[in-house]
Protein backbone atom coordinates (compact mmCIF):
# COMPACT_ATOMS: atom_id res chain seq x y z
CA UNK A 1 0.00 0.00 0.00
CA UNK A 2 1.13 3.48 -0.72
CA UNK A 3 1.62 5.79 2.23
CA UNK A 4 0.23 9.25 2.24
CA UNK A 5 2.78 12.05 2.19
CA UNK A 6 3.26 13.67 5.55
CA UNK A 7 2.31 10.56 7.55
CA UNK A 8 4.12 10.08 10.82
CA UNK A 9 6.58 7.17 10.77
CA UNK A 10 9.13 6.01 13.35
CA UNK A 11 12.42 4.37 12.38
CA UNK A 12 14.75 2.41 14.57
CA UNK A 13 18.33 3.78 14.66
CA UNK A 14 21.18 1.78 16.17
CA UNK A 15 23.01 3.63 18.96
CA UNK A 16 26.07 1.46 18.50
CA UNK A 17 27.32 3.49 15.55
CA UNK A 18 30.00 6.07 16.26
CA UNK A 19 28.66 9.54 15.56
CA UNK A 20 31.85 11.53 16.25
CA UNK A 21 34.25 11.97 13.34
CA UNK A 22 37.58 10.16 13.56
CA UNK A 23 40.45 11.99 15.24
CA UNK A 24 42.20 12.53 11.89
CA UNK A 25 39.42 14.89 10.85
CA UNK A 26 39.71 16.75 14.13
CA UNK A 27 43.46 17.19 13.70
CA UNK A 28 42.99 18.38 10.12
CA UNK A 29 40.32 20.84 11.27
CA UNK A 30 42.59 22.15 14.04
CA UNK A 31 45.47 22.57 11.61
CA UNK A 32 43.29 24.44 9.14
CA UNK A 33 41.91 26.68 11.89
CA UNK A 34 45.41 27.45 13.15
CA UNK A 35 46.63 28.23 9.64
CA UNK A 36 43.70 30.57 9.05
CA UNK A 37 44.30 32.35 12.36
CA UNK A 38 48.03 32.79 11.72
CA UNK A 39 47.34 34.08 8.21
CA UNK A 40 44.99 36.74 9.56
CA UNK A 41 47.47 37.66 12.28
CA UNK A 42 50.36 37.99 9.82
CA UNK A 43 48.27 40.20 7.54
CA UNK A 44 47.46 42.47 10.47
CA UNK A 45 51.13 42.57 11.42
CA UNK A 46 52.06 43.69 7.90
CA UNK A 47 49.51 46.50 8.07
CA UNK A 48 50.90 47.53 11.45
CA UNK A 49 54.46 47.52 10.09
CA UNK A 50 53.37 49.70 7.19
CA UNK A 51 51.86 52.18 9.62
CA UNK A 52 54.97 52.10 11.79
CA UNK A 53 57.11 52.77 8.72
CA UNK A 54 55.11 55.92 8.00
CA UNK A 55 55.33 56.97 11.65
CA UNK A 56 59.10 56.51 11.83
CA UNK A 57 59.80 58.34 8.57
CA UNK A 58 57.60 61.33 9.48
CA UNK A 59 59.11 61.35 12.99
CA UNK A 60 62.59 61.48 11.47
CA UNK A 61 61.63 64.57 9.46
CA UNK A 62 60.16 66.17 12.58
CA UNK A 63 63.26 65.33 14.65
CA UNK A 64 65.59 66.75 12.00
CA UNK A 65 63.45 69.89 11.81
CA UNK A 66 63.69 70.33 15.57
CA UNK A 67 67.45 69.71 15.43
CA UNK A 68 68.06 72.59 13.03
CA UNK A 69 65.42 74.96 14.39
CA UNK A 70 67.84 76.79 16.72
CA UNK A 71 69.99 78.36 13.98
CA UNK A 72 69.19 76.97 10.50
CA UNK A 73 71.27 77.81 7.47
CA UNK A 74 69.73 77.94 3.99
CA UNK A 75 71.61 74.74 3.11
CA UNK A 76 70.04 72.90 6.07
CA UNK A 77 66.54 74.16 5.21
CA UNK A 78 66.85 73.07 1.57
CA UNK A 79 68.29 69.70 2.57
CA UNK A 80 65.48 69.14 5.08
CA UNK A 81 62.87 70.13 2.46
CA UNK A 82 64.34 67.64 -0.04
CA UNK A 83 64.38 64.92 2.62
CA UNK A 84 60.78 65.71 3.60
CA UNK A 85 59.68 65.48 -0.05
CA UNK A 86 61.52 62.16 -0.35
CA UNK A 87 59.73 60.83 2.75
CA UNK A 88 56.34 61.93 1.37
CA UNK A 89 56.99 60.21 -1.96
CA UNK A 90 58.26 57.10 -0.20
CA UNK A 91 55.17 56.92 2.00
CA UNK A 92 52.89 57.33 -1.03
CA UNK A 93 54.69 54.48 -2.80
CA UNK A 94 54.45 52.21 0.24
CA UNK A 95 50.75 52.99 0.79
CA UNK A 96 49.89 52.39 -2.87
CA UNK A 97 50.90 48.71 -2.79
């Protein structure tokens, strides 16, 4: 006889079967999770290093400006301006990548 769709039916399921995946799958999952976490962490570290690079280069221009501010000569001012332009261009190149 054909059963009607949506009829309630009980099935017997053996409890003896192992429902947990084997330990190899767990180890593979843990390795993949660790790899994903380290990848994200290394990408964040690269972004932080890029920001630190910009901070250090701009700080070097500021420090040199403070070093010559007591009695600057025209040669020192021009040299500092060239160095500051170089730092700006360098930071633009690094940020573009």
